[in-house]
Amino acid sequence: MYVFISILILIVSVLMTLIVLVQNSKGGGLASNFSASNQFMGVRQTADFLEKATWTLAVALLVFSLTATMAIPKYTAAPGQADTELRKQIEENIPASDFQAPPTRDEE
């Protein structure tokens, strides 16, 4: 579930970046390229569509981000159990002969 939501966040982020780059802050951008009268969408309609798409993607990104925080897999262990499990894994994987105590001041 978390991986799926992460992929959705990535797709929405890329789409939002592309839509923002298409826009021009002075009303130009992609909308200014469609100024011919025989176009399907006019300049104003294109600007409105880009603005609505930006807001929709921003809200979707917010919702997916909040959903992802709830879907993060969590490790639950009894209090104190995590330490003993970690110590057991370390002791099983590293032989005792590899452990060396740091030298004390008297040994230096």
N, C-alpha and C. Protein backbone atom coordinates (compact mmCIF):
# COMPACT_ATOMS: atom_id res chain seq x y z
N MET A 1 0.82 -1.19 0.00
CA MET A 1 0.00 0.00 0.00
C MET A 1 0.87 1.26 0.00
N TYR A 2 1.91 1.25 0.86
CA TYR A 2 2.78 2.41 0.95
C TYR A 2 3.52 2.66 -0.36
N VAL A 3 3.95 1.59 -1.02
CA VAL A 3 4.67 1.73 -2.30
C VAL A 3 3.72 2.30 -3.36
N PHE A 4 2.49 1.84 -3.37
CA PHE A 4 1.50 2.34 -4.33
C PHE A 4 1.26 3.84 -4.13
N ILE A 5 1.11 4.25 -2.88
CA ILE A 5 0.88 5.67 -2.59
C ILE A 5 2.11 6.49 -2.96
N SER A 6 3.29 5.94 -2.73
CA SER A 6 4.53 6.65 -3.09
C SER A 6 4.62 6.85 -4.60
N ILE A 7 4.21 5.85 -5.36
CA ILE A 7 4.21 5.98 -6.82
C ILE A 7 3.21 7.05 -7.25
N LEU A 8 2.03 7.07 -6.62
CA LEU A 8 1.05 8.11 -6.93
C LEU A 8 1.60 9.51 -6.61
N ILE A 9 2.31 9.64 -5.50
CA ILE A 9 2.90 10.93 -5.15
C ILE A 9 3.91 11.35 -6.20
N LEU A 10 4.72 10.42 -6.67
CA LEU A 10 5.70 10.72 -7.70
C LEU A 10 5.04 11.16 -9.00
N ILE A 11 3.99 10.46 -9.43
CA ILE A 11 3.29 10.81 -10.66
C ILE A 11 2.64 12.20 -10.54
N VAL A 12 1.97 12.45 -9.41
CA VAL A 12 1.33 13.76 -9.22
C VAL A 12 2.38 14.87 -9.19
N SER A 13 3.52 14.62 -8.59
CA SER A 13 4.57 15.63 -8.53
C SER A 13 5.10 15.97 -9.91
N VAL A 14 5.32 14.96 -10.74
CA VAL A 14 5.81 15.19 -12.10
C VAL A 14 4.77 15.95 -12.91
N LEU A 15 3.51 15.54 -12.82
CA LEU A 15 2.45 16.23 -13.56
C LEU A 15 2.31 17.68 -13.12
N MET A 16 2.39 17.90 -11.82
CA MET A 16 2.26 19.27 -11.30
C MET A 16 3.43 20.13 -11.78
N THR A 17 4.63 19.56 -11.79
CA THR A 17 5.79 20.29 -12.28
C THR A 17 5.61 20.68 -13.75
N LEU A 18 5.14 19.74 -14.55
CA LEU A 18 4.93 20.04 -15.98
C LEU A 18 3.87 21.11 -16.19
N ILE A 19 2.78 21.04 -15.44
CA ILE A 19 1.71 22.03 -15.61
C ILE A 19 2.17 23.41 -15.16
N VAL A 20 2.94 23.47 -14.08
CA VAL A 20 3.43 24.77 -13.61
C VAL A 20 4.42 25.35 -14.61
N LEU A 21 5.24 24.50 -15.21
CA LEU A 21 6.19 25.00 -16.21
C LEU A 21 5.51 25.48 -17.49
N VAL A 22 4.36 24.92 -17.81
CA VAL A 22 3.62 25.34 -19.01
C VAL A 22 3.02 26.72 -18.80
N GLN A 23 2.66 27.03 -17.57
CA GLN A 23 2.03 28.32 -17.28
C GLN A 23 3.05 29.45 -17.35
N ASN A 24 2.53 30.63 -17.62
CA ASN A 24 3.36 31.83 -17.60
C ASN A 24 2.71 32.79 -16.60
N SER A 25 3.50 33.39 -15.77
CA SER A 25 2.93 34.24 -14.72
C SER A 25 2.23 35.48 -15.26
N LYS A 26 2.49 35.86 -16.50
CA LYS A 26 1.86 37.05 -17.07
C LYS A 26 0.72 36.70 -18.03
N GLY A 27 0.20 35.50 -17.92
CA GLY A 27 -0.95 35.12 -18.74
C GLY A 27 -0.56 34.53 -20.07
N GLY A 28 0.71 34.32 -20.33
CA GLY A 28 1.14 33.74 -21.60
C GLY A 28 1.25 32.24 -21.47
N GLY A 29 2.42 31.71 -21.69
CA GLY A 29 2.65 30.27 -21.58
C GLY A 29 1.94 29.52 -22.69
N LEU A 30 1.40 28.38 -22.35
CA LEU A 30 0.70 27.55 -23.33
C LEU A 30 -0.54 28.27 -23.84
N ALA A 31 -1.19 29.04 -23.00
CA ALA A 31 -2.41 29.74 -23.40
C ALA A 31 -2.16 30.72 -24.52
N SER A 32 -1.00 31.35 -24.58
CA SER A 32 -0.73 32.33 -25.63
C SER A 32 -0.50 31.66 -26.98
N ASN A 33 -0.16 30.40 -27.00
CA ASN A 33 0.05 29.69 -28.26
C ASN A 33 -1.26 29.33 -28.93
N PHE A 34 -2.36 29.36 -28.21
CA PHE A 34 -3.66 29.00 -28.77
C PHE A 34 -4.51 30.24 -29.05
N SER A 35 -3.91 31.24 -29.59
CA SER A 35 -4.65 32.49 -29.79
C SER A 35 -5.45 32.51 -31.09
N ALA A 36 -5.30 31.51 -31.92
CA ALA A 36 -6.07 31.47 -33.17
C ALA A 36 -7.55 31.27 -32.85
N SER A 37 -8.41 31.88 -33.67
CA SER A 37 -9.84 31.84 -33.37
C SER A 37 -10.46 30.48 -33.66
N ASN A 38 -9.80 29.64 -34.45
CA ASN A 38 -10.41 28.36 -34.79
C ASN A 38 -9.96 27.24 -33.85
N GLN A 39 -9.35 27.57 -32.76
CA GLN A 39 -8.90 26.55 -31.81
C GLN A 39 -10.09 26.06 -30.99
N PHE A 40 -9.98 24.83 -30.50
CA PHE A 40 -11.05 24.23 -29.69
C PHE A 40 -11.21 24.98 -28.37
N MET A 41 -10.10 25.23 -27.70
CA MET A 41 -10.16 25.97 -26.44
C MET A 41 -9.53 27.34 -26.65
N GLY A 42 -10.13 28.35 -26.12
CA GLY A 42 -9.56 29.68 -26.25
C GLY A 42 -8.46 29.91 -25.22
N VAL A 43 -7.89 31.10 -25.28
CA VAL A 43 -6.79 31.43 -24.37
C VAL A 43 -7.27 31.40 -22.93
N ARG A 44 -8.41 31.97 -22.67
CA ARG A 44 -8.92 32.04 -21.30
C ARG A 44 -9.27 30.66 -20.76
N GLN A 45 -9.88 29.83 -21.63
CA GLN A 45 -10.25 28.49 -21.20
C GLN A 45 -9.01 27.65 -20.88
N THR A 46 -7.95 27.83 -21.66
CA THR A 46 -6.72 27.08 -21.40
C THR A 46 -6.11 27.53 -20.08
N ALA A 47 -6.09 28.83 -19.82
CA ALA A 47 -5.55 29.33 -18.56
C ALA A 47 -6.38 28.83 -17.38
N ASP A 48 -7.71 28.81 -17.53
CA ASP A 48 -8.58 28.30 -16.46
C ASP A 48 -8.32 26.82 -16.21
N PHE A 49 -8.18 26.06 -17.30
CA PHE A 49 -7.91 24.63 -17.15
C PHE A 49 -6.58 24.39 -16.43
N LEU A 50 -5.55 25.14 -16.80
CA LEU A 50 -4.24 24.97 -16.17
C LEU A 50 -4.29 25.34 -14.69
N GLU A 51 -5.05 26.39 -14.36
CA GLU A 51 -5.16 26.79 -12.96
C GLU A 51 -5.92 25.74 -12.15
N LYS A 52 -7.02 25.22 -12.70
CA LYS A 52 -7.78 24.19 -12.00
C LYS A 52 -6.96 22.91 -11.86
N ALA A 53 -6.20 22.56 -12.89
CA ALA A 53 -5.37 21.36 -12.83
C ALA A 53 -4.28 21.52 -11.77
N THR A 54 -3.71 22.71 -11.66
CA THR A 54 -2.68 22.96 -10.65
C THR A 54 -3.25 22.80 -9.25
N TRP A 55 -4.41 23.40 -8.99
CA TRP A 55 -5.02 23.29 -7.67
C TRP A 55 -5.43 21.86 -7.36
N THR A 56 -5.97 21.16 -8.36
CA THR A 56 -6.38 19.77 -8.16
C THR A 56 -5.18 18.89 -7.82
N LEU A 57 -4.10 19.06 -8.56
CA LEU A 57 -2.90 18.26 -8.30
C LEU A 57 -2.27 18.62 -6.95
N ALA A 58 -2.34 19.88 -6.56
CA ALA A 58 -1.80 20.28 -5.26
C ALA A 58 -2.58 19.64 -4.12
N VAL A 59 -3.90 19.61 -4.23
CA VAL A 59 -4.73 18.98 -3.21
C VAL A 59 -4.49 17.47 -3.20
N ALA A 60 -4.38 16.88 -4.40
CA ALA A 60 -4.11 15.44 -4.48
C ALA A 60 -2.77 15.10 -3.84
N LEU A 61 -1.76 15.94 -4.07
CA LEU A 61 -0.45 15.71 -3.47
C LEU A 61 -0.53 15.79 -1.94
N LEU A 62 -1.27 16.74 -1.43
CA LEU A 62 -1.45 16.87 0.01
C LEU A 62 -2.16 15.64 0.59
N VAL A 63 -3.23 15.20 -0.06
CA VAL A 63 -3.98 14.04 0.42
C VAL A 63 -3.12 12.78 0.37
N PHE A 64 -2.39 12.58 -0.74
CA PHE A 64 -1.54 11.40 -0.85
C PHE A 64 -0.42 11.42 0.18
N SER A 65 0.11 12.60 0.45
CA SER A 65 1.18 12.70 1.45
C SER A 65 0.67 12.35 2.85
N LEU A 66 -0.50 12.86 3.20
CA LEU A 66 -1.08 12.53 4.50
C LEU A 66 -1.45 11.05 4.59
N THR A 67 -1.94 10.49 3.49
CA THR A 67 -2.28 9.07 3.47
C THR A 67 -1.02 8.22 3.60
N ALA A 68 0.06 8.66 2.99
CA ALA A 68 1.31 7.91 3.06
C ALA A 68 1.85 7.87 4.48
N THR A 69 1.68 8.94 5.23
CA THR A 69 2.16 8.93 6.61
C THR A 69 1.38 7.93 7.46
N MET A 70 0.12 7.70 7.12
CA MET A 70 -0.67 6.72 7.87
C MET A 70 -0.39 5.30 7.40
N ALA A 71 0.11 5.15 6.17
CA ALA A 71 0.32 3.81 5.60
C ALA A 71 1.74 3.31 5.79
N ILE A 72 2.62 4.10 6.41
CA ILE A 72 4.00 3.66 6.62
C ILE A 72 3.98 2.44 7.53
N PRO A 73 4.67 1.36 7.10
CA PRO A 73 4.71 0.18 7.97
C PRO A 73 5.44 0.49 9.27
N LYS A 74 4.86 0.07 10.36
CA LYS A 74 5.43 0.36 11.67
C LYS A 74 5.86 -0.95 12.33
N TYR A 75 6.98 -0.90 13.01
CA TYR A 75 7.47 -2.05 13.77
C TYR A 75 7.00 -1.89 15.20
N THR A 76 6.27 -2.86 15.67
CA THR A 76 5.80 -2.80 17.05
C THR A 76 6.42 -3.94 17.84
N ALA A 77 6.96 -3.62 18.97
CA ALA A 77 7.55 -4.62 19.86
C ALA A 77 7.23 -4.22 21.29
N ALA A 78 7.27 -5.19 22.13
CA ALA A 78 7.02 -4.91 23.55
C ALA A 78 8.16 -4.07 24.09
N PRO A 79 7.92 -3.26 25.11
CA PRO A 79 8.99 -2.43 25.66
C PRO A 79 10.16 -3.29 26.14
N GLY A 80 11.35 -2.94 25.73
CA GLY A 80 12.54 -3.68 26.12
C GLY A 80 12.84 -4.87 25.22
N GLN A 81 11.86 -5.34 24.47
CA GLN A 81 12.06 -6.49 23.61
C GLN A 81 12.90 -6.13 22.40
N ALA A 82 12.78 -4.92 21.90
CA ALA A 82 13.53 -4.52 20.72
C ALA A 82 15.03 -4.55 21.01
N ASP A 83 15.44 -4.12 22.21
CA ASP A 83 16.86 -4.12 22.56
C ASP A 83 17.42 -5.53 22.60
N THR A 84 16.68 -6.44 23.21
CA THR A 84 17.18 -7.81 23.32
C THR A 84 17.22 -8.49 21.97
N GLU A 85 16.25 -8.21 21.10
CA GLU A 85 16.27 -8.80 19.76
C GLU A 85 17.45 -8.26 18.96
N LEU A 86 17.72 -6.99 19.08
CA LEU A 86 18.85 -6.40 18.37
C LEU A 86 20.16 -6.96 18.87
N ARG A 87 20.30 -7.10 20.17
CA ARG A 87 21.53 -7.68 20.73
C ARG A 87 21.72 -9.12 20.27
N LYS A 88 20.63 -9.89 20.23
CA LYS A 88 20.71 -11.27 19.80
C LYS A 88 21.15 -11.36 18.33
N GLN A 89 20.61 -10.48 17.48
CA GLN A 89 21.00 -10.48 16.07
C GLN A 89 22.47 -10.11 15.91
N ILE A 90 22.94 -9.16 16.68
CA ILE A 90 24.35 -8.75 16.60
C ILE A 90 25.25 -9.89 17.06
N GLU A 91 24.88 -10.53 18.16
CA GLU A 91 25.70 -11.62 18.67
C GLU A 91 25.72 -12.82 17.73
N GLU A 92 24.62 -13.07 17.03
CA GLU A 92 24.58 -14.19 16.09
C GLU A 92 25.40 -13.93 14.84
N ASN A 93 25.47 -12.70 14.40
CA ASN A 93 26.13 -12.38 13.13
C ASN A 93 27.61 -12.03 13.28
N ILE A 94 28.04 -11.59 14.45
CA ILE A 94 29.44 -11.20 14.64
C ILE A 94 30.03 -12.09 15.72
N PRO A 95 31.10 -12.86 15.40
CA PRO A 95 31.70 -13.72 16.42
C PRO A 95 32.29 -12.90 17.56
N ALA A 96 32.32 -13.49 18.74
CA ALA A 96 32.80 -12.79 19.93
C ALA A 96 34.26 -12.42 19.81
N SER A 97 35.05 -13.16 19.00
CA SER A 97 36.47 -12.85 18.87
C SER A 97 36.70 -11.52 18.14
N ASP A 98 35.71 -11.04 17.39
CA ASP A 98 35.86 -9.77 16.68
C ASP A 98 35.64 -8.57 17.58
N PHE A 99 35.02 -8.78 18.73
CA PHE A 99 34.79 -7.68 19.65
C PHE A 99 36.07 -7.37 20.41
N GLN A 100 36.48 -6.13 20.39
CA GLN A 100 37.65 -5.70 21.15
C GLN A 100 37.25 -4.50 21.98
N ALA A 101 37.59 -4.56 23.20
CA ALA A 101 37.29 -3.45 24.08
C ALA A 101 38.25 -2.30 23.78
N PRO A 102 37.80 -1.08 23.85
CA PRO A 102 38.72 0.04 23.62
C PRO A 102 39.78 0.09 24.72
N PRO A 103 40.98 0.51 24.37
CA PRO A 103 42.03 0.55 25.38
C PRO A 103 41.71 1.58 26.46
N THR A 104 42.10 1.23 27.68
CA THR A 104 41.91 2.17 28.79
C THR A 104 43.12 3.09 28.86
N ARG A 105 43.07 4.07 29.68
CA ARG A 105 44.17 5.03 29.79
C ARG A 105 45.43 4.37 30.36
N ASP A 106 45.25 3.37 31.18
CA ASP A 106 46.41 2.68 31.76
C ASP A 106 47.15 1.88 30.70
N GLU A 107 46.43 1.35 29.68
CA GLU A 107 47.06 0.51 28.66
C GLU A 107 47.78 1.32 27.60
N GLU A 108 47.46 2.57 27.46
CA GLU A 108 48.06 3.40 26.42
C GLU A 108 49.44 3.74 26.76
